[in-house]
Structures are given as C-alpha cells and as structure tokens.
Amino acid sequence: MNKSVIIVFIIASLLLLGGGIVLATRSTAPVITGLDDFAKCLTSKNVVMYGAAWCSHCQREKKAFGDSFKYVSYFECPADPQKCLDKGVESYPTWILDDGTKLVGEQGIKKLSEATGCGLP
C-alpha cells in the first residue's frame, strides 16, 4: 500500500473511534427536577461523591441532579489526590457512604436512592 492510502485509513479509523466515543458518552438518562431534598438527604447521611471535572461519568452524574447538585457533598480529587487515595478512591466517580461502602462508577439517582434510603420526588 502506498503512504497516502495508509494515512487515509488511519484518519478514517480515528474519526470512527472518536464518533463512537461521543455516542457512548452521550447522556440518555432523564433529568428529574426538584432533587434538592434528595441531595440534602445524601449530605445529611455523610454521602460524598469523589470525582474529577474532566470525568465524563462524573459530569453525567452531576447533570442528573441538575441545580440540586450544589447540595451534594462533592470532592474534586485532582485538587488533593492524596485525600482520595487515603479514602481508597481508585476511579471516578466513587460515592462513599457513611458506613464506608463504596459505589464505584456512574450510579444514577435511583441507585443512590436505593443504597442510601433517601427518597426521590
């Protein structure tokens, strides 16, 4: 094969891979409004989300809460990586419950509700 065919093949492969990543990371979960009480309940039960601003799963988790995320206890791990290591955070997002239970990965509000006993509207 000549160089131009190989280069075109590589570029096409990268474009397809990039498109697949974009499709895979698009949020399909519905956003439920009025989650202030739910978010406050999580905080009152000492539930903390550990994540990073660049983490697409963290972004979707935050988006699911809408404006109510401001009431969630959240820790940005790149700001203090040692704290996250000390807590045993190995990937983002990680939710840590008061009893030490870790919920690793994107959970969604329904699963968080089930795990914590905090009711949804």
N, C-alpha and C. Protein backbone atom coordinates (compact mmCIF):
# COMPACT_ATOMS: atom_id res chain seq x y z
N MET A 1 0.84 -1.19 0.00
CA MET A 1 0.00 0.00 0.00
C MET A 1 0.88 1.24 0.00
N ASN A 2 0.39 2.27 -0.64
CA ASN A 2 1.19 3.49 -0.61
C ASN A 2 0.85 4.31 0.63
N LYS A 3 1.70 5.28 0.93
CA LYS A 3 1.57 6.06 2.16
C LYS A 3 0.25 6.80 2.26
N SER A 4 -0.25 7.35 1.18
CA SER A 4 -1.49 8.13 1.25
C SER A 4 -2.68 7.25 1.61
N VAL A 5 -2.72 6.02 1.15
CA VAL A 5 -3.82 5.11 1.50
C VAL A 5 -3.76 4.77 2.98
N ILE A 6 -2.57 4.53 3.48
CA ILE A 6 -2.40 4.21 4.90
C ILE A 6 -2.82 5.40 5.76
N ILE A 7 -2.42 6.60 5.37
CA ILE A 7 -2.77 7.80 6.13
C ILE A 7 -4.28 8.01 6.12
N VAL A 8 -4.93 7.84 4.98
CA VAL A 8 -6.38 7.97 4.90
C VAL A 8 -7.06 6.93 5.79
N PHE A 9 -6.57 5.72 5.78
CA PHE A 9 -7.12 4.65 6.62
C PHE A 9 -6.99 5.00 8.10
N ILE A 10 -5.84 5.51 8.51
CA ILE A 10 -5.62 5.88 9.91
C ILE A 10 -6.55 7.02 10.31
N ILE A 11 -6.67 8.03 9.48
CA ILE A 11 -7.55 9.16 9.78
C ILE A 11 -9.00 8.71 9.87
N ALA A 12 -9.44 7.87 8.95
CA ALA A 12 -10.82 7.37 8.98
C ALA A 12 -11.06 6.56 10.24
N SER A 13 -10.10 5.74 10.63
CA SER A 13 -10.23 4.93 11.84
C SER A 13 -10.35 5.83 13.07
N LEU A 14 -9.53 6.86 13.15
CA LEU A 14 -9.60 7.78 14.28
C LEU A 14 -10.93 8.52 14.34
N LEU A 15 -11.44 8.92 13.19
CA LEU A 15 -12.74 9.60 13.15
C LEU A 15 -13.86 8.67 13.61
N LEU A 16 -13.83 7.43 13.17
CA LEU A 16 -14.85 6.46 13.61
C LEU A 16 -14.75 6.20 15.10
N LEU A 17 -13.53 6.06 15.60
CA LEU A 17 -13.33 5.83 17.03
C LEU A 17 -13.84 7.03 17.83
N GLY A 18 -13.50 8.23 17.38
CA GLY A 18 -13.96 9.45 18.06
C GLY A 18 -15.47 9.55 18.07
N GLY A 19 -16.10 9.24 16.95
CA GLY A 19 -17.56 9.27 16.88
C GLY A 19 -18.19 8.26 17.82
N GLY A 20 -17.59 7.09 17.92
CA GLY A 20 -18.09 6.06 18.83
C GLY A 20 -17.99 6.50 20.27
N ILE A 21 -16.90 7.17 20.61
CA ILE A 21 -16.73 7.66 21.98
C ILE A 21 -17.77 8.73 22.29
N VAL A 22 -18.01 9.62 21.36
CA VAL A 22 -19.02 10.67 21.57
C VAL A 22 -20.39 10.04 21.78
N LEU A 23 -20.75 9.08 20.95
CA LEU A 23 -22.06 8.43 21.10
C LEU A 23 -22.15 7.67 22.41
N ALA A 24 -21.07 7.02 22.82
CA ALA A 24 -21.09 6.24 24.05
C ALA A 24 -21.20 7.11 25.29
N THR A 25 -20.73 8.35 25.22
CA THR A 25 -20.75 9.21 26.39
C THR A 25 -21.93 10.16 26.44
N ARG A 26 -22.79 10.12 25.45
CA ARG A 26 -23.98 10.99 25.48
C ARG A 26 -24.94 10.50 26.54
N SER A 27 -25.49 11.43 27.26
CA SER A 27 -26.42 11.09 28.33
C SER A 27 -27.79 10.76 27.77
N THR A 28 -28.32 9.62 28.19
CA THR A 28 -29.67 9.25 27.80
C THR A 28 -30.58 9.19 29.02
N ALA A 29 -29.99 9.37 30.20
CA ALA A 29 -30.78 9.32 31.42
C ALA A 29 -31.60 10.59 31.56
N PRO A 30 -32.86 10.46 31.92
CA PRO A 30 -33.69 11.65 32.10
C PRO A 30 -33.25 12.43 33.33
N VAL A 31 -33.40 13.72 33.28
CA VAL A 31 -33.10 14.57 34.42
C VAL A 31 -34.39 14.78 35.19
N ILE A 32 -34.38 14.44 36.46
CA ILE A 32 -35.55 14.64 37.32
C ILE A 32 -35.35 15.97 38.04
N THR A 33 -36.37 16.79 38.03
CA THR A 33 -36.25 18.09 38.69
C THR A 33 -36.71 17.99 40.14
N GLY A 34 -36.39 18.99 40.92
CA GLY A 34 -36.84 19.03 42.31
C GLY A 34 -36.10 18.06 43.20
N LEU A 35 -34.79 17.95 43.02
CA LEU A 35 -34.00 16.99 43.79
C LEU A 35 -33.28 17.62 44.98
N ASP A 36 -33.66 18.84 45.35
CA ASP A 36 -32.99 19.49 46.47
C ASP A 36 -33.04 18.64 47.74
N ASP A 37 -34.22 18.15 48.10
CA ASP A 37 -34.35 17.36 49.32
C ASP A 37 -33.56 16.06 49.24
N PHE A 38 -33.54 15.45 48.07
CA PHE A 38 -32.77 14.22 47.88
C PHE A 38 -31.27 14.50 48.08
N ALA A 39 -30.78 15.55 47.44
CA ALA A 39 -29.36 15.91 47.55
C ALA A 39 -29.01 16.26 49.00
N LYS A 40 -29.89 16.99 49.67
CA LYS A 40 -29.65 17.35 51.07
C LYS A 40 -29.67 16.11 51.96
N CYS A 41 -30.52 15.15 51.64
CA CYS A 41 -30.57 13.90 52.39
C CYS A 41 -29.24 13.15 52.27
N LEU A 42 -28.70 13.08 51.05
CA LEU A 42 -27.40 12.42 50.85
C LEU A 42 -26.34 13.07 51.73
N THR A 43 -26.32 14.40 51.72
CA THR A 43 -25.34 15.13 52.51
C THR A 43 -25.55 14.89 54.01
N SER A 44 -26.81 14.88 54.44
CA SER A 44 -27.08 14.66 55.87
C SER A 44 -26.66 13.26 56.32
N LYS A 45 -26.58 12.34 55.36
CA LYS A 45 -26.14 10.97 55.66
C LYS A 45 -24.65 10.78 55.39
N ASN A 46 -23.94 11.89 55.23
CA ASN A 46 -22.49 11.88 55.01
C ASN A 46 -22.06 11.10 53.77
N VAL A 47 -22.88 11.14 52.74
CA VAL A 47 -22.54 10.51 51.46
C VAL A 47 -21.74 11.54 50.66
N VAL A 48 -20.59 11.11 50.14
CA VAL A 48 -19.71 12.03 49.40
C VAL A 48 -19.39 11.44 48.04
N MET A 49 -19.46 12.28 47.02
CA MET A 49 -19.04 11.89 45.67
C MET A 49 -17.62 12.40 45.45
N TYR A 50 -16.74 11.49 45.05
CA TYR A 50 -15.36 11.84 44.70
C TYR A 50 -15.25 11.74 43.19
N GLY A 51 -14.71 12.79 42.57
CA GLY A 51 -14.63 12.79 41.12
C GLY A 51 -13.61 13.77 40.59
N ALA A 52 -13.73 14.05 39.30
CA ALA A 52 -12.85 14.99 38.61
C ALA A 52 -13.65 15.72 37.55
N ALA A 53 -13.33 16.98 37.35
CA ALA A 53 -14.07 17.80 36.40
C ALA A 53 -14.02 17.24 34.98
N TRP A 54 -12.92 16.60 34.62
CA TRP A 54 -12.75 16.08 33.26
C TRP A 54 -13.42 14.72 33.05
N CYS A 55 -13.92 14.12 34.10
CA CYS A 55 -14.53 12.78 34.04
C CYS A 55 -15.95 12.87 33.45
N SER A 56 -16.15 12.22 32.31
CA SER A 56 -17.46 12.29 31.65
C SER A 56 -18.56 11.62 32.48
N HIS A 57 -18.22 10.55 33.20
CA HIS A 57 -19.22 9.89 34.05
C HIS A 57 -19.60 10.80 35.22
N CYS A 58 -18.62 11.51 35.75
CA CYS A 58 -18.90 12.47 36.83
C CYS A 58 -19.80 13.59 36.32
N GLN A 59 -19.52 14.06 35.12
CA GLN A 59 -20.33 15.13 34.54
C GLN A 59 -21.78 14.69 34.38
N ARG A 60 -21.99 13.45 33.93
CA ARG A 60 -23.37 12.95 33.77
C ARG A 60 -24.04 12.77 35.13
N GLU A 61 -23.27 12.31 36.11
CA GLU A 61 -23.82 12.14 37.45
C GLU A 61 -24.28 13.50 37.99
N LYS A 62 -23.45 14.51 37.82
CA LYS A 62 -23.81 15.86 38.27
C LYS A 62 -25.02 16.38 37.50
N LYS A 63 -25.04 16.15 36.20
CA LYS A 63 -26.14 16.63 35.36
C LYS A 63 -27.48 16.02 35.79
N ALA A 64 -27.45 14.77 36.25
CA ALA A 64 -28.69 14.11 36.68
C ALA A 64 -29.34 14.85 37.85
N PHE A 65 -28.51 15.51 38.66
CA PHE A 65 -29.03 16.28 39.80
C PHE A 65 -29.50 17.67 39.40
N GLY A 66 -29.09 18.13 38.23
CA GLY A 66 -29.43 19.49 37.82
C GLY A 66 -28.88 20.50 38.81
N ASP A 67 -29.66 21.54 39.08
CA ASP A 67 -29.23 22.59 40.01
C ASP A 67 -29.10 22.08 41.45
N SER A 68 -29.68 20.95 41.74
CA SER A 68 -29.63 20.41 43.10
C SER A 68 -28.26 19.85 43.47
N PHE A 69 -27.38 19.69 42.48
CA PHE A 69 -26.06 19.13 42.79
C PHE A 69 -25.30 20.02 43.78
N LYS A 70 -25.64 21.28 43.84
CA LYS A 70 -24.95 22.19 44.77
C LYS A 70 -25.13 21.74 46.22
N TYR A 71 -26.12 20.90 46.50
CA TYR A 71 -26.35 20.40 47.85
C TYR A 71 -25.65 19.07 48.12
N VAL A 72 -25.03 18.49 47.11
CA VAL A 72 -24.33 17.21 47.25
C VAL A 72 -22.92 17.47 47.77
N SER A 73 -22.47 16.66 48.71
CA SER A 73 -21.08 16.74 49.16
C SER A 73 -20.22 16.14 48.06
N TYR A 74 -19.35 16.97 47.51
CA TYR A 74 -18.52 16.56 46.37
C TYR A 74 -17.08 16.94 46.64
N PHE A 75 -16.17 16.04 46.30
CA PHE A 75 -14.75 16.33 46.44
C PHE A 75 -14.06 16.14 45.10
N GLU A 76 -13.35 17.17 44.67
CA GLU A 76 -12.61 17.17 43.41
C GLU A 76 -11.22 16.56 43.67
N CYS A 77 -11.04 15.32 43.27
CA CYS A 77 -9.81 14.58 43.59
C CYS A 77 -8.53 15.20 43.05
N PRO A 78 -8.49 15.73 41.83
CA PRO A 78 -7.24 16.33 41.38
C PRO A 78 -6.77 17.50 42.26
N ALA A 79 -7.66 18.11 43.03
CA ALA A 79 -7.28 19.20 43.92
C ALA A 79 -6.46 18.69 45.11
N ASP A 80 -6.71 17.45 45.53
CA ASP A 80 -5.98 16.83 46.65
C ASP A 80 -5.97 15.32 46.45
N PRO A 81 -5.13 14.84 45.52
CA PRO A 81 -5.12 13.41 45.19
C PRO A 81 -4.87 12.51 46.40
N GLN A 82 -4.07 12.98 47.34
CA GLN A 82 -3.76 12.14 48.50
C GLN A 82 -5.00 11.83 49.32
N LYS A 83 -5.89 12.81 49.46
CA LYS A 83 -7.13 12.57 50.22
C LYS A 83 -7.94 11.45 49.56
N CYS A 84 -8.01 11.48 48.23
CA CYS A 84 -8.77 10.45 47.53
C CYS A 84 -8.09 9.09 47.66
N LEU A 85 -6.77 9.07 47.59
CA LEU A 85 -6.04 7.81 47.78
C LEU A 85 -6.27 7.28 49.19
N ASP A 86 -6.24 8.17 50.18
CA ASP A 86 -6.47 7.76 51.57
C ASP A 86 -7.88 7.18 51.76
N LYS A 87 -8.84 7.67 50.98
CA LYS A 87 -10.22 7.17 51.06
C LYS A 87 -10.41 5.90 50.23
N GLY A 88 -9.38 5.50 49.48
CA GLY A 88 -9.48 4.29 48.67
C GLY A 88 -10.14 4.50 47.33
N VAL A 89 -10.20 5.75 46.87
CA VAL A 89 -10.80 6.05 45.57
C VAL A 89 -9.82 5.63 44.48
N GLU A 90 -10.26 4.72 43.62
CA GLU A 90 -9.41 4.23 42.54
C GLU A 90 -9.91 4.65 41.16
N SER A 91 -11.17 5.05 41.07
CA SER A 91 -11.72 5.51 39.80
C SER A 91 -12.86 6.49 40.09
N TYR A 92 -13.24 7.21 39.05
CA TYR A 92 -14.27 8.25 39.19
C TYR A 92 -15.51 7.90 38.41
N PRO A 93 -16.66 8.30 38.88
CA PRO A 93 -16.91 8.78 40.23
C PRO A 93 -16.94 7.63 41.23
N THR A 94 -16.64 7.93 42.46
CA THR A 94 -16.81 6.99 43.56
C THR A 94 -17.64 7.70 44.63
N TRP A 95 -18.73 7.08 44.99
CA TRP A 95 -19.57 7.58 46.09
C TRP A 95 -19.18 6.78 47.33
N ILE A 96 -18.91 7.46 48.43
CA ILE A 96 -18.60 6.76 49.68
C ILE A 96 -19.69 7.10 50.69
N LEU A 97 -20.33 6.03 51.19
CA LEU A 97 -21.40 6.18 52.17
C LEU A 97 -20.79 6.27 53.56
N ASP A 98 -21.59 6.69 54.52
CA ASP A 98 -21.13 6.90 55.89
C ASP A 98 -20.54 5.63 56.50
N ASP A 99 -21.05 4.47 56.11
CA ASP A 99 -20.54 3.21 56.67
C ASP A 99 -19.30 2.70 55.94
N GLY A 100 -18.79 3.49 54.98
CA GLY A 100 -17.59 3.11 54.24
C GLY A 100 -17.87 2.39 52.94
N THR A 101 -19.12 2.06 52.68
CA THR A 101 -19.48 1.40 51.42
C THR A 101 -19.11 2.30 50.25
N LYS A 102 -18.50 1.71 49.23
CA LYS A 102 -18.12 2.46 48.03
C LYS A 102 -19.00 2.04 46.87
N LEU A 103 -19.56 3.02 46.20
CA LEU A 103 -20.31 2.80 44.97
C LEU A 103 -19.45 3.37 43.85
N VAL A 104 -18.84 2.49 43.08
CA VAL A 104 -17.85 2.90 42.08
C VAL A 104 -18.50 2.99 40.71
N GLY A 105 -18.25 4.10 40.03
CA GLY A 105 -18.80 4.31 38.70
C GLY A 105 -20.08 5.12 38.75
N GLU A 106 -20.59 5.39 37.59
CA GLU A 106 -21.82 6.18 37.46
C GLU A 106 -22.98 5.37 38.03
N GLN A 107 -23.68 5.93 39.01
CA GLN A 107 -24.74 5.21 39.71
C GLN A 107 -26.14 5.59 39.24
N GLY A 108 -26.35 6.88 39.04
CA GLY A 108 -27.71 7.35 38.75
C GLY A 108 -28.44 7.57 40.06
N ILE A 109 -29.42 8.47 40.03
CA ILE A 109 -30.08 8.83 41.27
C ILE A 109 -30.94 7.71 41.85
N LYS A 110 -31.51 6.87 41.00
CA LYS A 110 -32.34 5.78 41.51
C LYS A 110 -31.50 4.82 42.35
N LYS A 111 -30.35 4.44 41.86
CA LYS A 111 -29.49 3.52 42.61
C LYS A 111 -28.98 4.18 43.89
N LEU A 112 -28.65 5.47 43.81
CA LEU A 112 -28.22 6.18 45.01
C LEU A 112 -29.34 6.21 46.05
N SER A 113 -30.56 6.40 45.59
CA SER A 113 -31.71 6.40 46.48
C SER A 113 -31.85 5.05 47.17
N GLU A 114 -31.74 3.98 46.39
CA GLU A 114 -31.85 2.63 46.95
C GLU A 114 -30.74 2.33 47.95
N ALA A 115 -29.53 2.78 47.65
CA ALA A 115 -28.37 2.49 48.50
C ALA A 115 -28.38 3.28 49.80
N THR A 116 -29.01 4.46 49.78
CA THR A 116 -28.94 5.35 50.94
C THR A 116 -30.24 5.47 51.71
N GLY A 117 -31.35 5.10 51.10
CA GLY A 117 -32.64 5.28 51.75
C GLY A 117 -33.19 6.69 51.61
N CYS A 118 -32.51 7.52 50.85
CA CYS A 118 -33.01 8.88 50.59
C CYS A 118 -34.07 8.80 49.49
N GLY A 119 -35.24 9.32 49.77
CA GLY A 119 -36.35 9.22 48.82
C GLY A 119 -36.26 10.19 47.66
N LEU A 120 -36.81 9.77 46.55
CA LEU A 120 -36.89 10.62 45.36
C LEU A 120 -38.27 11.26 45.29
N PRO A 121 -38.35 12.42 44.61
CA PRO A 121 -39.67 13.08 44.48
C PRO A 121 -40.61 12.27 43.60
